[in-house]
Each structure stands twice: as structure tokens, then as C-alpha cells.
């Protein structure tokens, strides 16, 4: 009899705690995500399935605006101290969807991520008058201490263009296929998909050291202003230009 008297209040307390947990408000996600990396405002829904009207992702050059974002959080992932979220965001033509696992302030795992942004976004981080559409298909990425440890994916620059002083110059479409086995350097290959410019080369990142070697050639004569722009960051090689960048960040 005494056991039954204790059992029922205990069960009721557990049910009450479970109900509170299930209905936990969405703004609690702000306490789960590191504020140094993500800033969110305008929360709706619950911690497990919610939305925010604005989301900013901090990158080394500055903040990337993701716009409105929706997510679902796997409850059991909190027990492993690595919250796993399925995320979708939209801001105009900018789209993002994928799975994230947060393992620390500078540790992140990404799976099946797709992202589409305007190439004009580059102008916020570098003085390059380019446009077009950038799309990223990221099958897998692991960041540890802010650096990639393993990765596989493709970055595509579609309908690329250069804005000269007189007019827009169509460049074509290009891709960077990259991969990184665990413990090795991140390596990528530059491919030309279409267009009057032919770009071929490689890119590599090992720890904080990067090395880029790309040859740009044309089927015909280069536009004078495009040639001038290329000459500022590349060296002439035959009828084309070789872009060679190396250093640490």
C-alpha cells in the first residue's frame, strides 16, 4: 500500500516533466547553439521543432544572413552533448538545407547539405565584381577546431559573370570537386562546365596553409577590361593567365 502511494505521485511527476520537456519553447535553442557562431531572433514553435525569423551564421570574413530558418532537433542527441539538427532556410533565392551536429564551439559535423546563394555575395568579403549563382552540394564535412578534418562535395559557379566598367561579361559555368580523407589534406579540382573561358587547376588546404593553382584561357581574344582585371591577380602564360595563390590564414 505504501509503495502504491509513492508510485503514483512519482509517475505523475515524470509525466509532468515529460510534458514540460516536449513543450519546451523554441528560444531555448539559443542556449544550445554557440552564440559565437550562430545568432537567431524571432523564435516560434518548440525546441524540438521550431523556426526563427532571422538567422546569422558567423564566418571568418563576416556574417552570412540565412534569413528565416526552420529546424527539427533529435532529442536523444542532447544526451551525447552533440545536438543534431535538420535545418532548412530561405532568404529570397538563397536556400539551405542539411543536417548539422554541434560538437563544440569550433567542432561541427555536416551531412547532405545543399546551399544556393548569389555569387554577388563574394563582394561582401572580397573586392571582386562578379555575379552568377553559387551552389554547394556537401555530402559530408567534419570541422575540428575550426579546420576541416574530412570532406566530400562540389561547389558550382553557374552563369558566372564579370561586371566591367562598360558592361557585364559572361564567363561560363565552373565547378570545384573536393574531397578529404580523414587525416589527409583537403584537395579540389577546378573544372570548366561551359563558357568561353577555360579554367583548369587545383586547390589544396592543409591545416591553415592553402595553395591554389589555376590556369585561365580563352577560345578567342579576352575582353580588355577582363584581361586587365586578371593581370592584377594572375601572371600571363601563353594566351592565358595563371592564378597562383599560397599562404596561411
C-alpha atoms as a PDB file:
ATOM      1  CA  UNK A   1       0.000   0.000   0.000  1.00  0.00           C
ATOM      2  CA  UNK A   2       2.786   2.409   0.907  1.00  0.00           C
ATOM      3  CA  UNK A   3       4.576   1.540  -2.356  1.00  0.00           C
ATOM      4  CA  UNK A   4       1.487   2.336  -4.440  1.00  0.00           C
ATOM      5  CA  UNK A   5       1.088   5.632  -2.633  1.00  0.00           C
ATOM      6  CA  UNK A   6       4.628   6.562  -3.612  1.00  0.00           C
ATOM      7  CA  UNK A   7       4.423   5.152  -7.149  1.00  0.00           C
ATOM      8  CA  UNK A   8       1.528   7.238  -8.410  1.00  0.00           C
ATOM      9  CA  UNK A   9       2.985  10.631  -7.403  1.00  0.00           C
ATOM     10  CA  UNK A  10       6.290   9.574  -8.964  1.00  0.00           C
ATOM     11  CA  UNK A  11       4.622   8.634 -12.249  1.00  0.00           C
ATOM     12  CA  UNK A  12       2.661  11.881 -12.275  1.00  0.00           C
ATOM     13  CA  UNK A  13       5.873  13.844 -11.688  1.00  0.00           C
ATOM     14  CA  UNK A  14       7.567  12.055 -14.583  1.00  0.00           C
ATOM     15  CA  UNK A  15       4.616  12.713 -16.883  1.00  0.00           C
ATOM     16  CA  UNK A  16       4.608  16.370 -15.877  1.00  0.00           C
ATOM     17  CA  UNK A  17       8.345  16.664 -16.515  1.00  0.00           C
ATOM     18  CA  UNK A  18       7.944  14.942 -19.913  1.00  0.00           C
ATOM     19  CA  UNK A  19       5.115  17.316 -20.857  1.00  0.00           C
ATOM     20  CA  UNK A  20       7.272  20.323 -19.948  1.00  0.00           C
ATOM     21  CA  UNK A  21      10.166  18.923 -21.981  1.00  0.00           C
ATOM     22  CA  UNK A  22       8.034  18.230 -25.055  1.00  0.00           C
ATOM     23  CA  UNK A  23       6.590  21.759 -24.984  1.00  0.00           C
ATOM     24  CA  UNK A  24       9.936  23.468 -24.294  1.00  0.00           C
ATOM     25  CA  UNK A  25       9.901  26.802 -26.175  1.00  0.00           C
ATOM     26  CA  UNK A  26      11.984  27.302 -29.313  1.00  0.00           C
ATOM     27  CA  UNK A  27      14.088  30.119 -27.840  1.00  0.00           C
ATOM     28  CA  UNK A  28      15.881  27.534 -25.672  1.00  0.00           C
ATOM     29  CA  UNK A  29      17.768  26.540 -28.826  1.00  0.00           C
ATOM     30  CA  UNK A  30      19.668  29.798 -28.403  1.00  0.00           C
ATOM     31  CA  UNK A  31      21.168  28.282 -25.246  1.00  0.00           C
ATOM     32  CA  UNK A  32      22.161  25.104 -27.086  1.00  0.00           C
ATOM     33  CA  UNK A  33      23.854  26.782 -30.069  1.00  0.00           C
ATOM     34  CA  UNK A  34      27.152  28.641 -29.519  1.00  0.00           C
ATOM     35  CA  UNK A  35      26.390  32.389 -29.806  1.00  0.00           C
ATOM     36  CA  UNK A  36      29.883  32.964 -31.198  1.00  0.00           C
ATOM     37  CA  UNK A  37      28.840  31.050 -34.337  1.00  0.00           C
ATOM     38  CA  UNK A  38      25.057  31.480 -34.686  1.00  0.00           C
ATOM     39  CA  UNK A  39      22.670  34.320 -33.858  1.00  0.00           C
ATOM     40  CA  UNK A  40      18.898  33.781 -34.112  1.00  0.00           C
ATOM     41  CA  UNK A  41      15.850  36.003 -33.475  1.00  0.00           C
ATOM     42  CA  UNK A  42      12.067  35.737 -33.728  1.00  0.00           C
ATOM     43  CA  UNK A  43      11.559  32.222 -32.355  1.00  0.00           C
ATOM     44  CA  UNK A  44       8.385  30.177 -32.907  1.00  0.00           C
ATOM     45  CA  UNK A  45       7.376  26.620 -32.049  1.00  0.00           C
ATOM     46  CA  UNK A  46       9.230  24.312 -29.695  1.00  0.00           C
ATOM     47  CA  UNK A  47      12.824  23.365 -29.024  1.00  0.00           C
ATOM     48  CA  UNK A  48      12.342  20.121 -30.947  1.00  0.00           C
ATOM     49  CA  UNK A  49      10.538  21.544 -33.969  1.00  0.00           C
ATOM     50  CA  UNK A  50      10.647  25.282 -34.389  1.00  0.00           C
ATOM     51  CA  UNK A  51      11.516  28.297 -36.510  1.00  0.00           C
ATOM     52  CA  UNK A  52      13.267  31.649 -36.311  1.00  0.00           C
ATOM     53  CA  UNK A  53      12.558  34.720 -38.403  1.00  0.00           C
ATOM     54  CA  UNK A  54      16.245  35.610 -38.715  1.00  0.00           C
ATOM     55  CA  UNK A  55      19.462  33.615 -38.520  1.00  0.00           C
ATOM     56  CA  UNK A  56      23.049  34.810 -38.953  1.00  0.00           C
ATOM     57  CA  UNK A  57      25.983  32.428 -39.341  1.00  0.00           C
ATOM     58  CA  UNK A  58      29.386  33.796 -38.423  1.00  0.00           C
ATOM     59  CA  UNK A  59      32.170  33.057 -40.935  1.00  0.00           C
ATOM     60  CA  UNK A  60      35.809  34.218 -40.785  1.00  0.00           C
ATOM     61  CA  UNK A  61      35.180  37.172 -43.187  1.00  0.00           C
ATOM     62  CA  UNK A  62      31.878  38.205 -41.528  1.00  0.00           C
ATOM     63  CA  UNK A  63      28.239  37.191 -41.007  1.00  0.00           C
ATOM     64  CA  UNK A  64      26.222  35.232 -43.555  1.00  0.00           C
ATOM     65  CA  UNK A  65      22.483  36.017 -43.450  1.00  0.00           C
ATOM     66  CA  UNK A  66      20.415  32.848 -43.761  1.00  0.00           C
ATOM     67  CA  UNK A  67      17.021  34.548 -43.399  1.00  0.00           C
ATOM     68  CA  UNK A  68      14.107  32.555 -41.979  1.00  0.00           C
ATOM     69  CA  UNK A  69      15.107  29.122 -40.712  1.00  0.00           C
ATOM     70  CA  UNK A  70      13.203  26.011 -39.618  1.00  0.00           C
ATOM     71  CA  UNK A  71      14.653  23.068 -37.723  1.00  0.00           C
ATOM     72  CA  UNK A  72      13.978  19.774 -36.029  1.00  0.00           C
ATOM     73  CA  UNK A  73      16.183  18.604 -33.169  1.00  0.00           C
ATOM     74  CA  UNK A  74      16.812  14.936 -32.370  1.00  0.00           C
ATOM     75  CA  UNK A  75      16.046  14.641 -28.618  1.00  0.00           C
ATOM     76  CA  UNK A  76      18.453  11.771 -27.916  1.00  0.00           C
ATOM     77  CA  UNK A  77      21.333  13.748 -29.446  1.00  0.00           C
ATOM     78  CA  UNK A  78      21.307  16.022 -26.376  1.00  0.00           C
ATOM     79  CA  UNK A  79      22.367  13.056 -24.253  1.00  0.00           C
ATOM     80  CA  UNK A  80      25.571  12.762 -26.302  1.00  0.00           C
ATOM     81  CA  UNK A  81      26.315  16.502 -25.919  1.00  0.00           C
ATOM     82  CA  UNK A  82      26.261  16.791 -29.722  1.00  0.00           C
ATOM     83  CA  UNK A  83      22.884  18.322 -30.699  1.00  0.00           C
ATOM     84  CA  UNK A  84      21.848  17.050 -34.148  1.00  0.00           C
ATOM     85  CA  UNK A  85      19.559  19.278 -36.188  1.00  0.00           C
ATOM     86  CA  UNK A  86      17.876  19.082 -39.568  1.00  0.00           C
ATOM     87  CA  UNK A  87      17.821  22.647 -40.894  1.00  0.00           C
ATOM     88  CA  UNK A  88      16.089  24.478 -43.753  1.00  0.00           C
ATOM     89  CA  UNK A  89      16.418  28.185 -44.506  1.00  0.00           C
ATOM     90  CA  UNK A  90      15.308  30.582 -47.215  1.00  0.00           C
ATOM     91  CA  UNK A  91      16.128  34.206 -47.921  1.00  0.00           C
ATOM     92  CA  UNK A  92      14.920  35.268 -51.364  1.00  0.00           C
ATOM     93  CA  UNK A  93      16.671  32.995 -53.877  1.00  0.00           C
ATOM     94  CA  UNK A  94      19.120  31.863 -51.194  1.00  0.00           C
ATOM     95  CA  UNK A  95      18.417  28.324 -49.975  1.00  0.00           C
ATOM     96  CA  UNK A  96      19.998  25.961 -47.459  1.00  0.00           C
ATOM     97  CA  UNK A  97      19.114  22.501 -46.177  1.00  0.00           C
ATOM     98  CA  UNK A  98      21.077  19.816 -44.396  1.00  0.00           C
ATOM     99  CA  UNK A  99      21.953  18.041 -41.165  1.00  0.00           C
ATOM    100  CA  UNK A 100      24.230  19.562 -38.515  1.00  0.00           C
ATOM    101  CA  UNK A 101      25.793  18.039 -35.412  1.00  0.00           C
ATOM    102  CA  UNK A 102      27.295  20.569 -32.995  1.00  0.00           C
ATOM    103  CA  UNK A 103      30.156  19.044 -31.010  1.00  0.00           C
ATOM    104  CA  UNK A 104      31.684  22.201 -29.558  1.00  0.00           C
ATOM    105  CA  UNK A 105      32.387  25.869 -30.195  1.00  0.00           C
ATOM    106  CA  UNK A 106      34.672  25.029 -33.142  1.00  0.00           C
ATOM    107  CA  UNK A 107      33.643  21.437 -33.844  1.00  0.00           C
ATOM    108  CA  UNK A 108      30.894  20.678 -36.355  1.00  0.00           C
ATOM    109  CA  UNK A 109      29.718  17.753 -38.483  1.00  0.00           C
ATOM    110  CA  UNK A 110      27.663  18.378 -41.642  1.00  0.00           C
ATOM    111  CA  UNK A 111      25.855  15.832 -43.806  1.00  0.00           C
ATOM    112  CA  UNK A 112      23.828  16.051 -47.041  1.00  0.00           C
ATOM    113  CA  UNK A 113      23.931  19.838 -47.131  1.00  0.00           C
ATOM    114  CA  UNK A 114      22.758  21.796 -50.168  1.00  0.00           C
ATOM    115  CA  UNK A 115      23.160  25.542 -50.421  1.00  0.00           C
ATOM    116  CA  UNK A 116      22.439  28.092 -53.131  1.00  0.00           C
ATOM    117  CA  UNK A 117      23.493  31.751 -52.926  1.00  0.00           C
ATOM    118  CA  UNK A 118      24.172  34.618 -55.286  1.00  0.00           C
ATOM    119  CA  UNK A 119      27.813  34.923 -56.335  1.00  0.00           C
ATOM    120  CA  UNK A 120      27.447  38.657 -55.680  1.00  0.00           C
ATOM    121  CA  UNK A 121      27.779  37.680 -52.000  1.00  0.00           C
ATOM    122  CA  UNK A 122      31.516  37.378 -52.676  1.00  0.00           C
ATOM    123  CA  UNK A 123      31.656  41.161 -52.925  1.00  0.00           C
ATOM    124  CA  UNK A 124      30.943  41.393 -49.190  1.00  0.00           C
ATOM    125  CA  UNK A 125      34.157  39.510 -48.460  1.00  0.00           C
ATOM    126  CA  UNK A 126      36.438  40.461 -51.376  1.00  0.00           C
ATOM    127  CA  UNK A 127      36.583  43.352 -53.915  1.00  0.00           C
ATOM    128  CA  UNK A 128      35.527  41.234 -56.907  1.00  0.00           C
ATOM    129  CA  UNK A 129      32.818  42.485 -59.310  1.00  0.00           C
ATOM    130  CA  UNK A 130      31.350  39.057 -60.096  1.00  0.00           C
ATOM    131  CA  UNK A 131      27.834  37.648 -60.271  1.00  0.00           C
ATOM    132  CA  UNK A 132      26.028  34.429 -61.100  1.00  0.00           C
ATOM    133  CA  UNK A 133      24.864  31.632 -58.812  1.00  0.00           C
ATOM    134  CA  UNK A 134      26.894  29.565 -56.365  1.00  0.00           C
ATOM    135  CA  UNK A 135      25.602  26.147 -55.368  1.00  0.00           C
ATOM    136  CA  UNK A 136      27.204  23.824 -52.845  1.00  0.00           C
ATOM    137  CA  UNK A 137      26.484  20.112 -52.547  1.00  0.00           C
ATOM    138  CA  UNK A 138      28.216  18.903 -49.427  1.00  0.00           C
ATOM    139  CA  UNK A 139      27.921  15.188 -48.851  1.00  0.00           C
ATOM    140  CA  UNK A 140      29.996  15.287 -45.695  1.00  0.00           C
ATOM    141  CA  UNK A 141      32.173  17.703 -43.701  1.00  0.00           C
ATOM    142  CA  UNK A 142      33.821  17.430 -40.281  1.00  0.00           C
ATOM    143  CA  UNK A 143      35.332  20.515 -38.668  1.00  0.00           C
ATOM    144  CA  UNK A 144      37.604  20.218 -35.661  1.00  0.00           C
ATOM    145  CA  UNK A 145      38.982  23.336 -34.023  1.00  0.00           C
ATOM    146  CA  UNK A 146      37.550  25.289 -36.973  1.00  0.00           C
ATOM    147  CA  UNK A 147      39.502  23.313 -39.600  1.00  0.00           C
ATOM    148  CA  UNK A 148      38.246  20.567 -41.952  1.00  0.00           C
ATOM    149  CA  UNK A 149      39.244  17.040 -40.972  1.00  0.00           C
ATOM    150  CA  UNK A 150      37.304  15.187 -43.670  1.00  0.00           C
ATOM    151  CA  UNK A 151      35.071  16.347 -46.514  1.00  0.00           C
ATOM    152  CA  UNK A 152      33.469  15.465 -49.829  1.00  0.00           C
ATOM    153  CA  UNK A 153      31.438  17.732 -52.083  1.00  0.00           C
ATOM    154  CA  UNK A 154      31.150  20.030 -55.069  1.00  0.00           C
ATOM    155  CA  UNK A 155      30.967  23.817 -55.453  1.00  0.00           C
ATOM    156  CA  UNK A 156      29.484  25.103 -58.736  1.00  0.00           C
ATOM    157  CA  UNK A 157      29.602  28.661 -60.086  1.00  0.00           C
ATOM    158  CA  UNK A 158      26.796  28.862 -62.651  1.00  0.00           C
ATOM    159  CA  UNK A 159      26.274  31.590 -65.243  1.00  0.00           C
ATOM    160  CA  UNK A 160      29.323  33.401 -63.950  1.00  0.00           C
ATOM    161  CA  UNK A 161      29.792  36.999 -64.951  1.00  0.00           C
ATOM    162  CA  UNK A 162      32.262  39.843 -64.514  1.00  0.00           C
ATOM    163  CA  UNK A 163      30.985  43.410 -64.296  1.00  0.00           C
ATOM    164  CA  UNK A 164      33.352  45.701 -66.157  1.00  0.00           C
ATOM    165  CA  UNK A 165      33.115  49.465 -66.274  1.00  0.00           C
ATOM    166  CA  UNK A 166      31.131  49.262 -69.538  1.00  0.00           C
ATOM    167  CA  UNK A 167      29.117  46.044 -69.475  1.00  0.00           C
ATOM    168  CA  UNK A 168      28.694  42.592 -67.978  1.00  0.00           C
ATOM    169  CA  UNK A 169      30.998  39.925 -69.432  1.00  0.00           C
ATOM    170  CA  UNK A 170      29.667  36.358 -69.426  1.00  0.00           C
ATOM    171  CA  UNK A 171      32.304  33.892 -68.231  1.00  0.00           C
ATOM    172  CA  UNK A 172      30.549  30.495 -68.190  1.00  0.00           C
ATOM    173  CA  UNK A 173      29.997  27.824 -65.533  1.00  0.00           C
ATOM    174  CA  UNK A 174      32.662  26.132 -63.425  1.00  0.00           C
ATOM    175  CA  UNK A 175      32.949  23.526 -60.668  1.00  0.00           C
ATOM    176  CA  UNK A 176      35.285  22.648 -57.840  1.00  0.00           C
ATOM    177  CA  UNK A 177      35.157  18.968 -56.859  1.00  0.00           C
ATOM    178  CA  UNK A 178      36.803  18.456 -53.474  1.00  0.00           C
ATOM    179  CA  UNK A 179      37.470  15.625 -51.061  1.00  0.00           C
ATOM    180  CA  UNK A 180      39.484  14.975 -47.933  1.00  0.00           C
ATOM    181  CA  UNK A 181      40.097  11.526 -46.482  1.00  0.00           C
ATOM    182  CA  UNK A 182      40.422  11.642 -42.716  1.00  0.00           C
ATOM    183  CA  UNK A 183      43.944  12.694 -41.749  1.00  0.00           C
ATOM    184  CA  UNK A 184      44.862  14.000 -45.221  1.00  0.00           C
ATOM    185  CA  UNK A 185      44.817  17.435 -46.847  1.00  0.00           C
ATOM    186  CA  UNK A 186      41.691  18.871 -48.444  1.00  0.00           C
ATOM    187  CA  UNK A 187      42.157  18.779 -52.232  1.00  0.00           C
ATOM    188  CA  UNK A 188      39.996  20.108 -55.035  1.00  0.00           C
ATOM    189  CA  UNK A 189      39.986  20.074 -58.838  1.00  0.00           C
ATOM    190  CA  UNK A 190      38.749  23.034 -60.897  1.00  0.00           C
ATOM    191  CA  UNK A 191      36.638  22.063 -63.930  1.00  0.00           C
ATOM    192  CA  UNK A 192      35.076  24.080 -66.762  1.00  0.00           C
ATOM    193  CA  UNK A 193      31.455  23.107 -67.394  1.00  0.00           C
ATOM    194  CA  UNK A 194      30.676  25.598 -70.181  1.00  0.00           C
ATOM    195  CA  UNK A 195      31.578  29.036 -71.492  1.00  0.00           C
ATOM    196  CA  UNK A 196      34.230  30.948 -73.447  1.00  0.00           C
ATOM    197  CA  UNK A 197      36.815  30.782 -70.644  1.00  0.00           C
ATOM    198  CA  UNK A 198      38.594  27.519 -69.887  1.00  0.00           C
ATOM    199  CA  UNK A 199      39.689  27.161 -66.253  1.00  0.00           C
ATOM    200  CA  UNK A 200      41.656  24.152 -65.027  1.00  0.00           C
ATOM    201  CA  UNK A 201      43.697  23.632 -61.910  1.00  0.00           C
ATOM    202  CA  UNK A 202      43.860  22.517 -58.324  1.00  0.00           C
ATOM    203  CA  UNK A 203      43.277  23.840 -54.820  1.00  0.00           C
ATOM    204  CA  UNK A 204      44.590  22.441 -51.557  1.00  0.00           C
ATOM    205  CA  UNK A 205      44.176  23.203 -47.870  1.00  0.00           C
ATOM    206  CA  UNK A 206      46.390  21.545 -45.265  1.00  0.00           C
ATOM    207  CA  UNK A 207      45.880  22.742 -41.718  1.00  0.00           C
ATOM    208  CA  UNK A 208      45.907  26.533 -42.204  1.00  0.00           C
ATOM    209  CA  UNK A 209      48.021  26.557 -45.380  1.00  0.00           C
ATOM    210  CA  UNK A 210      46.265  26.990 -48.728  1.00  0.00           C
ATOM    211  CA  UNK A 211      47.636  26.553 -52.252  1.00  0.00           C
ATOM    212  CA  UNK A 212      45.676  27.481 -55.401  1.00  0.00           C
ATOM    213  CA  UNK A 213      46.959  26.930 -58.950  1.00  0.00           C
ATOM    214  CA  UNK A 214      44.501  27.678 -61.782  1.00  0.00           C
ATOM    215  CA  UNK A 215      45.131  28.344 -65.490  1.00  0.00           C
ATOM    216  CA  UNK A 216      42.569  30.552 -67.266  1.00  0.00           C
ATOM    217  CA  UNK A 217      42.471  30.516 -71.079  1.00  0.00           C
ATOM    218  CA  UNK A 218      40.067  31.721 -73.743  1.00  0.00           C
ATOM    219  CA  UNK A 219      38.867  30.393 -77.085  1.00  0.00           C
ATOM    220  CA  UNK A 220      39.273  33.898 -78.502  1.00  0.00           C
ATOM    221  CA  UNK A 221      40.642  37.280 -77.529  1.00  0.00           C
ATOM    222  CA  UNK A 222      39.954  38.266 -73.930  1.00  0.00           C
ATOM    223  CA  UNK A 223      37.936  41.396 -73.249  1.00  0.00           C
ATOM    224  CA  UNK A 224      40.495  44.167 -72.497  1.00  0.00           C
ATOM    225  CA  UNK A 225      38.946  45.013 -69.118  1.00  0.00           C
ATOM    226  CA  UNK A 226      38.752  41.358 -68.139  1.00  0.00           C
ATOM    227  CA  UNK A 227      42.384  40.949 -69.184  1.00  0.00           C
ATOM    228  CA  UNK A 228      43.293  43.951 -67.040  1.00  0.00           C
ATOM    229  CA  UNK A 229      41.399  42.530 -64.051  1.00  0.00           C
ATOM    230  CA  UNK A 230      43.123  39.145 -64.437  1.00  0.00           C
ATOM    231  CA  UNK A 231      46.535  40.798 -64.712  1.00  0.00           C
ATOM    232  CA  UNK A 232      46.063  42.278 -61.228  1.00  0.00           C
ATOM    233  CA  UNK A 233      45.955  38.848 -59.569  1.00  0.00           C
ATOM    234  CA  UNK A 234      47.439  36.442 -62.137  1.00  0.00           C
ATOM    235  CA  UNK A 235      50.511  36.222 -64.350  1.00  0.00           C
ATOM    236  CA  UNK A 236      50.412  35.885 -68.150  1.00  0.00           C
ATOM    237  CA  UNK A 237      51.097  32.410 -69.507  1.00  0.00           C
ATOM    238  CA  UNK A 238      50.852  31.972 -73.251  1.00  0.00           C
ATOM    239  CA  UNK A 239      47.460  33.321 -74.322  1.00  0.00           C
ATOM    240  CA  UNK A 240      46.034  32.918 -70.817  1.00  0.00           C
ATOM    241  CA  UNK A 241      46.717  33.720 -67.198  1.00  0.00           C
ATOM    242  CA  UNK A 242      47.852  31.563 -64.281  1.00  0.00           C
ATOM    243  CA  UNK A 243      46.429  32.333 -60.882  1.00  0.00           C
ATOM    244  CA  UNK A 244      48.753  31.115 -58.129  1.00  0.00           C
ATOM    245  CA  UNK A 245      47.941  31.854 -54.508  1.00  0.00           C
ATOM    246  CA  UNK A 246      49.563  30.360 -51.430  1.00  0.00           C
ATOM    247  CA  UNK A 247      49.741  31.311 -47.797  1.00  0.00           C
ATOM    248  CA  UNK A 248      48.281  30.806 -44.340  1.00  0.00           C
ATOM    249  CA  UNK A 249      45.111  32.120 -42.765  1.00  0.00           C
END
